[in-house]
C-alpha atoms as a PDB file:
ATOM      1  CA  UNK A   1     114.072  51.149 -91.008  1.00  0.00           C
ATOM      2  CA  UNK A   2     113.932  48.930 -88.219  1.00  0.00           C
ATOM      3  CA  UNK A   3     110.674  46.990 -87.825  1.00  0.00           C
ATOM      4  CA  UNK A   4     108.757  47.348 -84.610  1.00  0.00           C
ATOM      5  CA  UNK A   5     108.411  44.045 -82.741  1.00  0.00           C
ATOM      6  CA  UNK A   6     104.981  42.966 -81.805  1.00  0.00           C
ATOM      7  CA  UNK A   7     103.936  42.682 -78.221  1.00  0.00           C
ATOM      8  CA  UNK A   8     102.612  39.434 -76.859  1.00  0.00           C
ATOM      9  CA  UNK A   9      99.089  39.454 -76.188  1.00  0.00           C
ATOM     10  CA  UNK A  10      97.695  37.794 -72.598  1.00  0.00           C
ATOM     11  CA  UNK A  11      94.307  36.007 -73.028  1.00  0.00           C
ATOM     12  CA  UNK A  12      93.498  36.089 -69.512  1.00  0.00           C
ATOM     13  CA  UNK A  13      94.023  39.650 -68.893  1.00  0.00           C
ATOM     14  CA  UNK A  14      92.608  41.443 -65.806  1.00  0.00           C
ATOM     15  CA  UNK A  15      89.534  43.018 -67.829  1.00  0.00           C
ATOM     16  CA  UNK A  16      88.770  39.560 -69.032  1.00  0.00           C
ATOM     17  CA  UNK A  17      89.044  38.172 -65.324  1.00  0.00           C
ATOM     18  CA  UNK A  18      86.670  40.808 -64.246  1.00  0.00           C
ATOM     19  CA  UNK A  19      84.224  40.116 -66.647  1.00  0.00           C
ATOM     20  CA  UNK A  20      84.135  36.654 -65.710  1.00  0.00           C
ATOM     21  CA  UNK A  21      83.548  37.258 -62.078  1.00  0.00           C
ATOM     22  CA  UNK A  22      80.907  39.708 -62.675  1.00  0.00           C
ATOM     23  CA  UNK A  23      78.983  37.108 -64.507  1.00  0.00           C
ATOM     24  CA  UNK A  24      79.432  34.542 -61.599  1.00  0.00           C
ATOM     25  CA  UNK A  25      78.569  36.963 -59.313  1.00  0.00           C
ATOM     26  CA  UNK A  26      75.467  37.916 -61.191  1.00  0.00           C
ATOM     27  CA  UNK A  27      74.592  34.215 -61.551  1.00  0.00           C
ATOM     28  CA  UNK A  28      75.050  33.792 -57.835  1.00  0.00           C
ATOM     29  CA  UNK A  29      72.986  37.124 -56.839  1.00  0.00           C
ATOM     30  CA  UNK A  30      70.131  35.592 -58.816  1.00  0.00           C
ATOM     31  CA  UNK A  31      70.419  31.970 -57.058  1.00  0.00           C
ATOM     32  CA  UNK A  32      70.281  33.894 -54.034  1.00  0.00           C
ATOM     33  CA  UNK A  33      67.498  36.014 -54.632  1.00  0.00           C
ATOM     34  CA  UNK A  34      65.620  33.175 -56.040  1.00  0.00           C
ATOM     35  CA  UNK A  35      65.725  31.351 -52.680  1.00  0.00           C
ATOM     36  CA  UNK A  36      64.892  33.715 -50.391  1.00  0.00           C
ATOM     37  CA  UNK A  37      61.321  32.678 -49.886  1.00  0.00           C
ATOM     38  CA  UNK A  38      61.818  28.723 -49.923  1.00  0.00           C
ATOM     39  CA  UNK A  39      62.495  28.442 -46.004  1.00  0.00           C
ATOM     40  CA  UNK A  40      59.061  30.060 -45.281  1.00  0.00           C
ATOM     41  CA  UNK A  41      57.409  27.796 -47.866  1.00  0.00           C
ATOM     42  CA  UNK A  42      59.141  24.749 -46.236  1.00  0.00           C
ATOM     43  CA  UNK A  43      58.086  26.078 -42.705  1.00  0.00           C
ATOM     44  CA  UNK A  44      54.504  26.356 -43.834  1.00  0.00           C
ATOM     45  CA  UNK A  45      54.547  22.969 -45.528  1.00  0.00           C
ATOM     46  CA  UNK A  46      55.945  21.117 -42.285  1.00  0.00           C
ATOM     47  CA  UNK A  47      53.084  22.988 -40.720  1.00  0.00           C
ATOM     48  CA  UNK A  48      50.621  21.898 -43.174  1.00  0.00           C
ATOM     49  CA  UNK A  49      51.969  18.420 -42.786  1.00  0.00           C
ATOM     50  CA  UNK A  50      51.896  17.896 -38.884  1.00  0.00           C
ATOM     51  CA  UNK A  51      48.103  19.158 -39.074  1.00  0.00           C
ATOM     52  CA  UNK A  52      47.345  16.586 -41.689  1.00  0.00           C
ATOM     53  CA  UNK A  53      49.287  14.127 -39.308  1.00  0.00           C
ATOM     54  CA  UNK A  54      47.425  14.876 -36.280  1.00  0.00           C
ATOM     55  CA  UNK A  55      44.022  15.173 -38.404  1.00  0.00           C
ATOM     56  CA  UNK A  56      44.745  11.771 -39.548  1.00  0.00           C
ATOM     57  CA  UNK A  57      45.580  10.377 -35.897  1.00  0.00           C
ATOM     58  CA  UNK A  58      42.379  11.767 -34.997  1.00  0.00           C
ATOM     59  CA  UNK A  59      40.481   9.907 -37.575  1.00  0.00           C
ATOM     60  CA  UNK A  60      42.037   6.690 -36.552  1.00  0.00           C
ATOM     61  CA  UNK A  61      41.123   7.158 -32.945  1.00  0.00           C
ATOM     62  CA  UNK A  62      37.842   7.613 -34.131  1.00  0.00           C
ATOM     63  CA  UNK A  63      37.675   4.823 -36.473  1.00  0.00           C
ATOM     64  CA  UNK A  64      39.125   2.731 -33.433  1.00  0.00           C
ATOM     65  CA  UNK A  65      36.172   3.865 -31.270  1.00  0.00           C
ATOM     66  CA  UNK A  66      33.635   2.691 -34.083  1.00  0.00           C
ATOM     67  CA  UNK A  67      35.449  -0.512 -34.337  1.00  0.00           C
ATOM     68  CA  UNK A  68      34.951  -1.451 -30.644  1.00  0.00           C
ATOM     69  CA  UNK A  69      31.438  -0.240 -30.561  1.00  0.00           C
ATOM     70  CA  UNK A  70      31.020  -2.351 -33.719  1.00  0.00           C
ATOM     71  CA  UNK A  71      32.660  -5.492 -32.042  1.00  0.00           C
ATOM     72  CA  UNK A  72      30.705  -5.153 -29.219  1.00  0.00           C
ATOM     73  CA  UNK A  73      27.542  -4.982 -31.163  1.00  0.00           C
ATOM     74  CA  UNK A  74      28.734  -7.948 -32.887  1.00  0.00           C
ATOM     75  CA  UNK A  75      29.313  -9.951 -29.935  1.00  0.00           C
ATOM     76  CA  UNK A  76      25.831  -9.072 -28.528  1.00  0.00           C
ATOM     77  CA  UNK A  77      23.909  -9.941 -31.392  1.00  0.00           C
ATOM     78  CA  UNK A  78      25.777 -13.490 -31.503  1.00  0.00           C
ATOM     79  CA  UNK A  79      25.105 -13.645 -27.520  1.00  0.00           C
ATOM     80  CA  UNK A  80      21.415 -12.944 -28.858  1.00  0.00           C
ATOM     81  CA  UNK A  81      21.433 -15.425 -31.563  1.00  0.00           C
ATOM     82  CA  UNK A  82      22.879 -18.185 -29.567  1.00  0.00           C
ATOM     83  CA  UNK A  83      20.298 -17.675 -26.739  1.00  0.00           C
ATOM     84  CA  UNK A  84      17.443 -17.567 -29.657  1.00  0.00           C
ATOM     85  CA  UNK A  85      18.787 -20.898 -30.986  1.00  0.00           C
ATOM     86  CA  UNK A  86      18.540 -22.230 -27.269  1.00  0.00           C
ATOM     87  CA  UNK A  87      15.216 -20.906 -26.995  1.00  0.00           C
ATOM     88  CA  UNK A  88      14.042 -22.703 -30.326  1.00  0.00           C
ATOM     89  CA  UNK A  89      15.889 -25.889 -29.356  1.00  0.00           C
ATOM     90  CA  UNK A  90      13.802 -25.854 -25.961  1.00  0.00           C
ATOM     91  CA  UNK A  91      10.634 -25.114 -27.650  1.00  0.00           C
ATOM     92  CA  UNK A  92      10.924 -27.896 -30.344  1.00  0.00           C
ATOM     93  CA  UNK A  93      11.777 -30.336 -27.088  1.00  0.00           C
ATOM     94  CA  UNK A  94       8.675 -29.174 -25.266  1.00  0.00           C
ATOM     95  CA  UNK A  95       6.735 -29.569 -28.713  1.00  0.00           C
ATOM     96  CA  UNK A  96       7.923 -32.904 -29.249  1.00  0.00           C
ATOM     97  CA  UNK A  97       6.830 -34.006 -25.578  1.00  0.00           C
ATOM     98  CA  UNK A  98       3.594 -32.480 -26.288  1.00  0.00           C
ATOM     99  CA  UNK A  99       3.095 -34.444 -29.250  1.00  0.00           C
ATOM    100  CA  UNK A 100       4.356 -37.600 -27.578  1.00  0.00           C
ATOM    101  CA  UNK A 101       1.764 -37.023 -24.779  1.00  0.00           C
ATOM    102  CA  UNK A 102      -0.896 -36.332 -27.312  1.00  0.00           C
ATOM    103  CA  UNK A 103      -0.068 -39.681 -28.992  1.00  0.00           C
ATOM    104  CA  UNK A 104      -0.158 -41.543 -25.699  1.00  0.00           C
ATOM    105  CA  UNK A 105      -3.246 -40.372 -24.727  1.00  0.00           C
ATOM    106  CA  UNK A 106      -4.936 -40.955 -27.989  1.00  0.00           C
ATOM    107  CA  UNK A 107      -3.325 -44.671 -27.932  1.00  0.00           C
ATOM    108  CA  UNK A 108      -4.610 -44.872 -24.507  1.00  0.00           C
ATOM    109  CA  UNK A 109      -8.302 -43.767 -25.550  1.00  0.00           C
ATOM    110  CA  UNK A 110      -8.293 -46.138 -28.483  1.00  0.00           C
ATOM    111  CA  UNK A 111      -7.193 -48.788 -25.798  1.00  0.00           C
ATOM    112  CA  UNK A 112     -10.235 -48.044 -23.481  1.00  0.00           C
ATOM    113  CA  UNK A 113     -12.606 -48.093 -26.462  1.00  0.00           C
ATOM    114  CA  UNK A 114     -11.134 -51.617 -27.542  1.00  0.00           C
ATOM    115  CA  UNK A 115     -11.593 -52.844 -23.771  1.00  0.00           C
ATOM    116  CA  UNK A 116     -15.136 -51.464 -23.435  1.00  0.00           C
ATOM    117  CA  UNK A 117     -15.902 -53.060 -26.741  1.00  0.00           C
ATOM    118  CA  UNK A 118     -14.728 -56.657 -26.174  1.00  0.00           C
ATOM    119  CA  UNK A 119     -15.171 -57.146 -22.266  1.00  0.00           C
ATOM    120  CA  UNK A 120     -18.654 -58.186 -20.914  1.00  0.00           C
ATOM    121  CA  UNK A 121     -19.831 -57.272 -17.799  1.00  0.00           C
ATOM    122  CA  UNK A 122     -18.463 -58.856 -14.709  1.00  0.00           C
ATOM    123  CA  UNK A 123     -20.656 -61.376 -12.998  1.00  0.00           C
ATOM    124  CA  UNK A 124     -20.758 -60.647  -9.264  1.00  0.00           C
ATOM    125  CA  UNK A 125     -22.760 -62.744  -6.825  1.00  0.00           C
ATOM    126  CA  UNK A 126     -22.478 -63.280  -3.271  1.00  0.00           C
ATOM    127  CA  UNK A 127     -20.863 -66.185  -1.717  1.00  0.00           C
ATOM    128  CA  UNK A 128     -22.447 -68.570   0.725  1.00  0.00           C
ATOM    129  CA  UNK A 129     -20.307 -66.815   3.560  1.00  0.00           C
ATOM    130  CA  UNK A 130     -21.752 -63.559   2.753  1.00  0.00           C
ATOM    131  CA  UNK A 131     -25.261 -64.783   1.957  1.00  0.00           C
ATOM    132  CA  UNK A 132     -24.960 -66.188   5.707  1.00  0.00           C
ATOM    133  CA  UNK A 133     -23.850 -63.089   6.870  1.00  0.00           C
ATOM    134  CA  UNK A 134     -25.711 -60.668   5.076  1.00  0.00           C
ATOM    135  CA  UNK A 135     -28.937 -62.829   4.193  1.00  0.00           C
ATOM    136  CA  UNK A 136     -30.286 -64.160   1.281  1.00  0.00           C
ATOM    137  CA  UNK A 137     -32.418 -61.303   0.211  1.00  0.00           C
ATOM    138  CA  UNK A 138     -29.689 -58.829   0.901  1.00  0.00           C
ATOM    139  CA  UNK A 139     -29.752 -55.990  -2.026  1.00  0.00           C
ATOM    140  CA  UNK A 140     -27.917 -52.580  -1.698  1.00  0.00           C
ATOM    141  CA  UNK A 141     -30.310 -49.820  -1.777  1.00  0.00           C
ATOM    142  CA  UNK A 142     -30.052 -47.207  -4.991  1.00  0.00           C
ATOM    143  CA  UNK A 143     -28.553 -44.571  -3.220  1.00  0.00           C
ATOM    144  CA  UNK A 144     -25.709 -46.274  -1.742  1.00  0.00           C
ATOM    145  CA  UNK A 145     -22.522 -43.873  -1.542  1.00  0.00           C
ATOM    146  CA  UNK A 146     -20.396 -45.887  -3.741  1.00  0.00           C
ATOM    147  CA  UNK A 147     -22.682 -47.123  -6.612  1.00  0.00           C
ATOM    148  CA  UNK A 148     -22.087 -50.411  -8.786  1.00  0.00           C
ATOM    149  CA  UNK A 149     -19.383 -52.002  -6.299  1.00  0.00           C
ATOM    150  CA  UNK A 150     -20.252 -55.493  -5.588  1.00  0.00           C
ATOM    151  CA  UNK A 151     -20.127 -56.592  -1.719  1.00  0.00           C
ATOM    152  CA  UNK A 152     -19.149 -60.523  -2.520  1.00  0.00           C
ATOM    153  CA  UNK A 153     -15.820 -59.879  -0.672  1.00  0.00           C
ATOM    154  CA  UNK A 154     -14.684 -61.297   2.721  1.00  0.00           C
ATOM    155  CA  UNK A 155     -11.545 -59.327   2.898  1.00  0.00           C
ATOM    156  CA  UNK A 156     -10.845 -55.747   1.995  1.00  0.00           C
ATOM    157  CA  UNK A 157      -7.653 -54.089   1.092  1.00  0.00           C
ATOM    158  CA  UNK A 158      -7.390 -50.354   0.281  1.00  0.00           C
ATOM    159  CA  UNK A 159      -4.641 -48.868  -1.294  1.00  0.00           C
ATOM    160  CA  UNK A 160      -4.291 -45.140  -1.119  1.00  0.00           C
ATOM    161  CA  UNK A 161      -2.510 -42.403  -2.924  1.00  0.00           C
ATOM    162  CA  UNK A 162      -0.711 -40.322  -0.165  1.00  0.00           C
ATOM    163  CA  UNK A 163       1.095 -37.752  -2.580  1.00  0.00           C
ATOM    164  CA  UNK A 164       0.843 -34.125  -1.745  1.00  0.00           C
ATOM    165  CA  UNK A 165      -1.931 -33.666  -4.279  1.00  0.00           C
ATOM    166  CA  UNK A 166      -4.337 -35.830  -2.360  1.00  0.00           C
ATOM    167  CA  UNK A 167      -3.373 -34.481   1.045  1.00  0.00           C
ATOM    168  CA  UNK A 168      -3.834 -31.016  -0.089  1.00  0.00           C
ATOM    169  CA  UNK A 169      -7.161 -31.173  -1.808  1.00  0.00           C
ATOM    170  CA  UNK A 170      -8.906 -34.618  -1.224  1.00  0.00           C
ATOM    171  CA  UNK A 171      -7.946 -36.194   2.159  1.00  0.00           C
ATOM    172  CA  UNK A 172     -11.124 -35.740   3.991  1.00  0.00           C
ATOM    173  CA  UNK A 173     -12.868 -36.691   1.019  1.00  0.00           C
ATOM    174  CA  UNK A 174     -11.028 -39.871   0.951  1.00  0.00           C
ATOM    175  CA  UNK A 175     -11.715 -40.505   4.613  1.00  0.00           C
ATOM    176  CA  UNK A 176     -15.248 -40.363   4.031  1.00  0.00           C
ATOM    177  CA  UNK A 177     -15.241 -42.635   0.988  1.00  0.00           C
ATOM    178  CA  UNK A 178     -13.171 -45.317   2.767  1.00  0.00           C
ATOM    179  CA  UNK A 179     -15.852 -44.886   5.835  1.00  0.00           C
ATOM    180  CA  UNK A 180     -18.499 -45.152   3.088  1.00  0.00           C
ATOM    181  CA  UNK A 181     -16.657 -48.419   1.143  1.00  0.00           C
ATOM    182  CA  UNK A 182     -16.486 -50.181   4.946  1.00  0.00           C
ATOM    183  CA  UNK A 183     -20.325 -49.333   5.535  1.00  0.00           C
ATOM    184  CA  UNK A 184     -21.196 -51.491   2.582  1.00  0.00           C
ATOM    185  CA  UNK A 185     -19.552 -54.535   4.099  1.00  0.00           C
ATOM    186  CA  UNK A 186     -21.190 -54.871   7.575  1.00  0.00           C
ATOM    187  CA  UNK A 187     -18.804 -57.567   8.671  1.00  0.00           C
ATOM    188  CA  UNK A 188     -15.635 -59.172   6.861  1.00  0.00           C
ATOM    189  CA  UNK A 189     -12.923 -61.282   7.897  1.00  0.00           C
ATOM    190  CA  UNK A 190      -9.986 -58.953   7.673  1.00  0.00           C
ATOM    191  CA  UNK A 191      -8.830 -55.292   6.727  1.00  0.00           C
ATOM    192  CA  UNK A 192      -5.855 -53.838   5.426  1.00  0.00           C
ATOM    193  CA  UNK A 193      -4.398 -50.499   4.232  1.00  0.00           C
ATOM    194  CA  UNK A 194      -1.499 -49.895   2.503  1.00  0.00           C
ATOM    195  CA  UNK A 195      -0.171 -46.885   0.484  1.00  0.00           C
ATOM    196  CA  UNK A 196       0.486 -46.924  -3.267  1.00  0.00           C
ATOM    197  CA  UNK A 197       4.376 -48.018  -2.467  1.00  0.00           C
ATOM    198  CA  UNK A 198       2.921 -50.960  -0.716  1.00  0.00           C
ATOM    199  CA  UNK A 199       3.791 -49.558   2.812  1.00  0.00           C
ATOM    200  CA  UNK A 200       1.496 -50.434   5.602  1.00  0.00           C
ATOM    201  CA  UNK A 201      -0.470 -48.080   7.488  1.00  0.00           C
ATOM    202  CA  UNK A 202      -0.106 -50.316  10.812  1.00  0.00           C
ATOM    203  CA  UNK A 203       3.537 -51.634  10.829  1.00  0.00           C
ATOM    204  CA  UNK A 204       2.348 -54.205  13.482  1.00  0.00           C
ATOM    205  CA  UNK A 205       0.080 -56.118  10.929  1.00  0.00           C
ATOM    206  CA  UNK A 206       2.593 -56.087   8.204  1.00  0.00           C
ATOM    207  CA  UNK A 207       1.666 -59.173   6.259  1.00  0.00           C
ATOM    208  CA  UNK A 208      -1.087 -59.921   8.359  1.00  0.00           C
ATOM    209  CA  UNK A 209      -4.995 -59.002   8.278  1.00  0.00           C
ATOM    210  CA  UNK A 210      -6.365 -56.378  10.776  1.00  0.00           C
ATOM    211  CA  UNK A 211      -9.417 -58.060  12.413  1.00  0.00           C
ATOM    212  CA  UNK A 212     -12.669 -56.439  11.856  1.00  0.00           C
ATOM    213  CA  UNK A 213     -14.418 -54.614  14.783  1.00  0.00           C
ATOM    214  CA  UNK A 214     -16.366 -51.432  15.197  1.00  0.00           C
ATOM    215  CA  UNK A 215     -13.263 -50.489  17.276  1.00  0.00           C
ATOM    216  CA  UNK A 216     -10.699 -51.249  14.610  1.00  0.00           C
ATOM    217  CA  UNK A 217     -12.503 -49.417  12.067  1.00  0.00           C
ATOM    218  CA  UNK A 218     -12.635 -46.430  14.276  1.00  0.00           C
ATOM    219  CA  UNK A 219      -8.885 -46.514  14.707  1.00  0.00           C
ATOM    220  CA  UNK A 220      -8.158 -47.027  10.907  1.00  0.00           C
ATOM    221  CA  UNK A 221     -10.122 -43.731  10.133  1.00  0.00           C
ATOM    222  CA  UNK A 222      -8.529 -42.023  12.964  1.00  0.00           C
ATOM    223  CA  UNK A 223      -4.940 -43.291  11.999  1.00  0.00           C
ATOM    224  CA  UNK A 224      -6.044 -42.372   8.647  1.00  0.00           C
ATOM    225  CA  UNK A 225      -6.362 -38.525   9.385  1.00  0.00           C
ATOM    226  CA  UNK A 226      -2.703 -38.096  10.269  1.00  0.00           C
ATOM    227  CA  UNK A 227      -1.027 -40.790   8.077  1.00  0.00           C
ATOM    228  CA  UNK A 228       1.918 -39.670   5.776  1.00  0.00           C
ATOM    229  CA  UNK A 229       3.790 -41.422   3.495  1.00  0.00           C
ATOM    230  CA  UNK A 230       5.819 -41.289   0.454  1.00  0.00           C
ATOM    231  CA  UNK A 231       4.067 -41.675  -2.826  1.00  0.00           C
ATOM    232  CA  UNK A 232       5.140 -41.635  -6.535  1.00  0.00           C
ATOM    233  CA  UNK A 233       1.384 -41.410  -7.708  1.00  0.00           C
ATOM    234  CA  UNK A 234       1.597 -44.954  -9.303  1.00  0.00           C
ATOM    235  CA  UNK A 235      -0.624 -47.777  -7.780  1.00  0.00           C
ATOM    236  CA  UNK A 236       1.124 -50.488  -9.503  1.00  0.00           C
ATOM    237  CA  UNK A 237       3.687 -51.219  -6.491  1.00  0.00           C
ATOM    238  CA  UNK A 238       0.948 -51.389  -3.962  1.00  0.00           C
ATOM    239  CA  UNK A 239      -1.360 -53.439  -6.115  1.00  0.00           C
ATOM    240  CA  UNK A 240       1.348 -56.068  -6.540  1.00  0.00           C
ATOM    241  CA  UNK A 241       2.661 -56.163  -3.145  1.00  0.00           C
ATOM    242  CA  UNK A 242      -1.256 -56.394  -1.830  1.00  0.00           C
ATOM    243  CA  UNK A 243      -2.061 -59.456  -4.413  1.00  0.00           C
ATOM    244  CA  UNK A 244       1.431 -61.360  -3.873  1.00  0.00           C
ATOM    245  CA  UNK A 245       1.025 -61.074   0.139  1.00  0.00           C
ATOM    246  CA  UNK A 246      -2.957 -61.563   0.872  1.00  0.00           C
ATOM    247  CA  UNK A 247      -4.134 -63.706  -1.865  1.00  0.00           C
ATOM    248  CA  UNK A 248      -5.251 -67.041  -0.940  1.00  0.00           C
ATOM    249  CA  UNK A 249      -7.572 -69.657  -2.922  1.00  0.00           C
ATOM    250  CA  UNK A 250     -10.026 -69.865   0.215  1.00  0.00           C
ATOM    251  CA  UNK A 251     -10.188 -65.790   0.326  1.00  0.00           C
ATOM    252  CA  UNK A 252     -12.475 -63.656  -1.715  1.00  0.00           C
ATOM    253  CA  UNK A 253     -10.642 -60.441  -1.439  1.00  0.00           C
ATOM    254  CA  UNK A 254     -11.739 -56.877  -3.041  1.00  0.00           C
ATOM    255  CA  UNK A 255      -8.994 -54.326  -3.245  1.00  0.00           C
ATOM    256  CA  UNK A 256      -9.922 -50.453  -3.424  1.00  0.00           C
ATOM    257  CA  UNK A 257      -7.485 -47.782  -5.031  1.00  0.00           C
ATOM    258  CA  UNK A 258      -8.050 -44.377  -3.950  1.00  0.00           C
ATOM    259  CA  UNK A 259      -6.026 -41.663  -5.804  1.00  0.00           C
ATOM    260  CA  UNK A 260      -6.001 -38.715  -8.300  1.00  0.00           C
ATOM    261  CA  UNK A 261      -2.732 -38.955 -10.357  1.00  0.00           C
ATOM    262  CA  UNK A 262      -1.036 -41.640 -12.366  1.00  0.00           C
ATOM    263  CA  UNK A 263       2.725 -40.187 -13.380  1.00  0.00           C
ATOM    264  CA  UNK A 264       3.937 -43.726 -14.605  1.00  0.00           C
ATOM    265  CA  UNK A 265       5.687 -44.149 -17.675  1.00  0.00           C
ATOM    266  CA  UNK A 266       3.169 -46.414 -19.417  1.00  0.00           C
ATOM    267  CA  UNK A 267      -0.621 -47.619 -18.854  1.00  0.00           C
ATOM    268  CA  UNK A 268       0.166 -50.721 -20.743  1.00  0.00           C
ATOM    269  CA  UNK A 269       2.970 -51.870 -18.459  1.00  0.00           C
ATOM    270  CA  UNK A 270       1.011 -51.406 -15.239  1.00  0.00           C
ATOM    271  CA  UNK A 271      -1.921 -53.334 -17.117  1.00  0.00           C
ATOM    272  CA  UNK A 272       0.571 -56.175 -18.071  1.00  0.00           C
ATOM    273  CA  UNK A 273       2.236 -56.050 -14.381  1.00  0.00           C
ATOM    274  CA  UNK A 274      -1.351 -56.613 -12.726  1.00  0.00           C
ATOM    275  CA  UNK A 275      -2.577 -59.170 -15.235  1.00  0.00           C
ATOM    276  CA  UNK A 276       0.599 -61.298 -14.281  1.00  0.00           C
ATOM    277  CA  UNK A 277       0.112 -61.138 -10.815  1.00  0.00           C
ATOM    278  CA  UNK A 278      -3.821 -61.253 -10.834  1.00  0.00           C
ATOM    279  CA  UNK A 279      -4.330 -64.550 -12.905  1.00  0.00           C
ATOM    280  CA  UNK A 280      -7.799 -65.820 -13.215  1.00  0.00           C
ATOM    281  CA  UNK A 281      -8.451 -69.170 -11.506  1.00  0.00           C
ATOM    282  CA  UNK A 282      -9.835 -72.128 -13.623  1.00  0.00           C
ATOM    283  CA  UNK A 283     -13.436 -70.994 -13.519  1.00  0.00           C
ATOM    284  CA  UNK A 284     -12.130 -67.619 -15.035  1.00  0.00           C
ATOM    285  CA  UNK A 285     -12.394 -65.485 -11.857  1.00  0.00           C
ATOM    286  CA  UNK A 286      -9.376 -63.391 -11.105  1.00  0.00           C
ATOM    287  CA  UNK A 287      -7.699 -63.685  -7.697  1.00  0.00           C
ATOM    288  CA  UNK A 288      -8.728 -60.238  -6.594  1.00  0.00           C
ATOM    289  CA  UNK A 289     -11.471 -57.863  -7.437  1.00  0.00           C
ATOM    290  CA  UNK A 290     -10.220 -54.514  -8.024  1.00  0.00           C
ATOM    291  CA  UNK A 291     -12.196 -51.373  -7.475  1.00  0.00           C
ATOM    292  CA  UNK A 292     -11.182 -47.865  -7.527  1.00  0.00           C
ATOM    293  CA  UNK A 293     -12.280 -44.254  -6.695  1.00  0.00           C
ATOM    294  CA  UNK A 294     -10.787 -41.426  -8.773  1.00  0.00           C
ATOM    295  CA  UNK A 295     -10.535 -38.122  -6.822  1.00  0.00           C
ATOM    296  CA  UNK A 296     -10.386 -34.660  -8.978  1.00  0.00           C
ATOM    297  CA  UNK A 297      -7.715 -32.443  -9.119  1.00  0.00           C
ATOM    298  CA  UNK A 298      -8.085 -28.877  -8.104  1.00  0.00           C
ATOM    299  CA  UNK A 299      -9.439 -26.981 -11.182  1.00  0.00           C
ATOM    300  CA  UNK A 300      -6.559 -24.654 -11.511  1.00  0.00           C
ATOM    301  CA  UNK A 301      -3.848 -27.297 -11.973  1.00  0.00           C
ATOM    302  CA  UNK A 302      -3.003 -29.199 -15.452  1.00  0.00           C
ATOM    303  CA  UNK A 303      -5.550 -32.446 -15.521  1.00  0.00           C
ATOM    304  CA  UNK A 304      -3.501 -34.615 -17.546  1.00  0.00           C
ATOM    305  CA  UNK A 305      -2.416 -36.947 -14.819  1.00  0.00           C
ATOM    306  CA  UNK A 306      -5.976 -37.215 -13.661  1.00  0.00           C
ATOM    307  CA  UNK A 307      -7.153 -38.443 -16.650  1.00  0.00           C
ATOM    308  CA  UNK A 308      -4.437 -41.042 -16.967  1.00  0.00           C
ATOM    309  CA  UNK A 309      -5.587 -42.304 -13.592  1.00  0.00           C
ATOM    310  CA  UNK A 310      -8.950 -42.302 -14.864  1.00  0.00           C
ATOM    311  CA  UNK A 311      -7.764 -44.247 -17.964  1.00  0.00           C
ATOM    312  CA  UNK A 312      -5.815 -46.769 -15.905  1.00  0.00           C
ATOM    313  CA  UNK A 313      -8.135 -47.524 -13.373  1.00  0.00           C
ATOM    314  CA  UNK A 314     -11.094 -48.145 -15.689  1.00  0.00           C
ATOM    315  CA  UNK A 315      -8.896 -50.651 -17.408  1.00  0.00           C
ATOM    316  CA  UNK A 316      -7.969 -52.219 -14.446  1.00  0.00           C
ATOM    317  CA  UNK A 317     -11.380 -52.387 -12.807  1.00  0.00           C
ATOM    318  CA  UNK A 318     -12.735 -53.942 -15.980  1.00  0.00           C
ATOM    319  CA  UNK A 319     -10.237 -56.754 -16.679  1.00  0.00           C
ATOM    320  CA  UNK A 320     -10.228 -57.611 -12.810  1.00  0.00           C
ATOM    321  CA  UNK A 321     -13.982 -57.847 -12.180  1.00  0.00           C
ATOM    322  CA  UNK A 322     -14.202 -54.540 -10.358  1.00  0.00           C
ATOM    323  CA  UNK A 323     -15.878 -50.909 -10.617  1.00  0.00           C
ATOM    324  CA  UNK A 324     -14.305 -47.618 -11.088  1.00  0.00           C
ATOM    325  CA  UNK A 325     -16.183 -44.620  -9.683  1.00  0.00           C
ATOM    326  CA  UNK A 326     -14.969 -41.143 -10.583  1.00  0.00           C
ATOM    327  CA  UNK A 327     -15.858 -38.339  -8.224  1.00  0.00           C
ATOM    328  CA  UNK A 328     -16.976 -35.085  -9.458  1.00  0.00           C
ATOM    329  CA  UNK A 329     -15.279 -31.847  -7.934  1.00  0.00           C
ATOM    330  CA  UNK A 330     -16.715 -30.367  -4.713  1.00  0.00           C
ATOM    331  CA  UNK A 331     -15.685 -26.992  -2.908  1.00  0.00           C
ATOM    332  CA  UNK A 332     -12.115 -26.676  -2.234  1.00  0.00           C
ATOM    333  CA  UNK A 333     -12.739 -24.110   0.530  1.00  0.00           C
ATOM    334  CA  UNK A 334     -11.009 -26.271   2.866  1.00  0.00           C
ATOM    335  CA  UNK A 335     -13.570 -29.167   2.656  1.00  0.00           C
ATOM    336  CA  UNK A 336     -11.028 -31.243   0.730  1.00  0.00           C
ATOM    337  CA  UNK A 337      -7.915 -30.108   2.474  1.00  0.00           C
ATOM    338  CA  UNK A 338      -6.158 -32.135   5.393  1.00  0.00           C
ATOM    339  CA  UNK A 339      -6.565 -30.466   8.766  1.00  0.00           C
ATOM    340  CA  UNK A 340      -3.632 -29.041  10.147  1.00  0.00           C
ATOM    341  CA  UNK A 341      -1.443 -31.116  12.583  1.00  0.00           C
END
């Protein structure tokens, strides 16, 4: 019996391949079905991200605006702080200046007290010339306009503060007081009028005496009404110029200072300068007597410079054989004002 031959079996037959293909197809189908919703999710995610970016950009713009506002506020605060610092520095300077003025006033008051405590009353006698002119029994009346001023001089010099305050408030009074001073000297050998800078009222009489006569006195007072000259409200220049120019050992001279303010740096410097030029003679008498009439400032202005003028002139008059007369305030309703040109 013939043996039946075995058929060769193919491993990768059609059925097997069909199964494999079906399996791959199923897998692919699953994958396709699983990815169907993903594009929609991606689109939605993109939309959400764009919204977040726009929101963040808006917040960034708001932050930038707030930053600019804060920067402006900071700059304004810095400027305000700088202004406050400058103001504090200015106030500190003013305080220091006021403290300096207070110390200066206190020192000047102490100087006045020392002078008043150490200086004796100046002896005032009539010369033989004045006795002959006025009479040996001449006595000034108790109601004389300029009280306490000696009349033992043969020559009279006026030093007048021509500043704006004098011409605005006291010019007519100054004219009256000058006339009153001249009235207590019935006859002198010479008169002269200078401003506080040493300038002459009458340039024709520069360095010379104006002869005394009733007509000359009227001319002086008439010229005084319209007289204008620069003034630094410090009489030291006029005093020094008058003594240097007109002093003579044969002349007895009285110098009258008419003013209302002293704006110089130091009272002691002025007193020292006058003492150096107005040295006493062998008999202990100064070359020139120095008198002064102080006019008040208007009540609505600071009185510091007026007080300094009074302090200075009291010292000068005491040390130079003269008298200081301080006038009280009068009405300022034009009587003290200079007439309009």
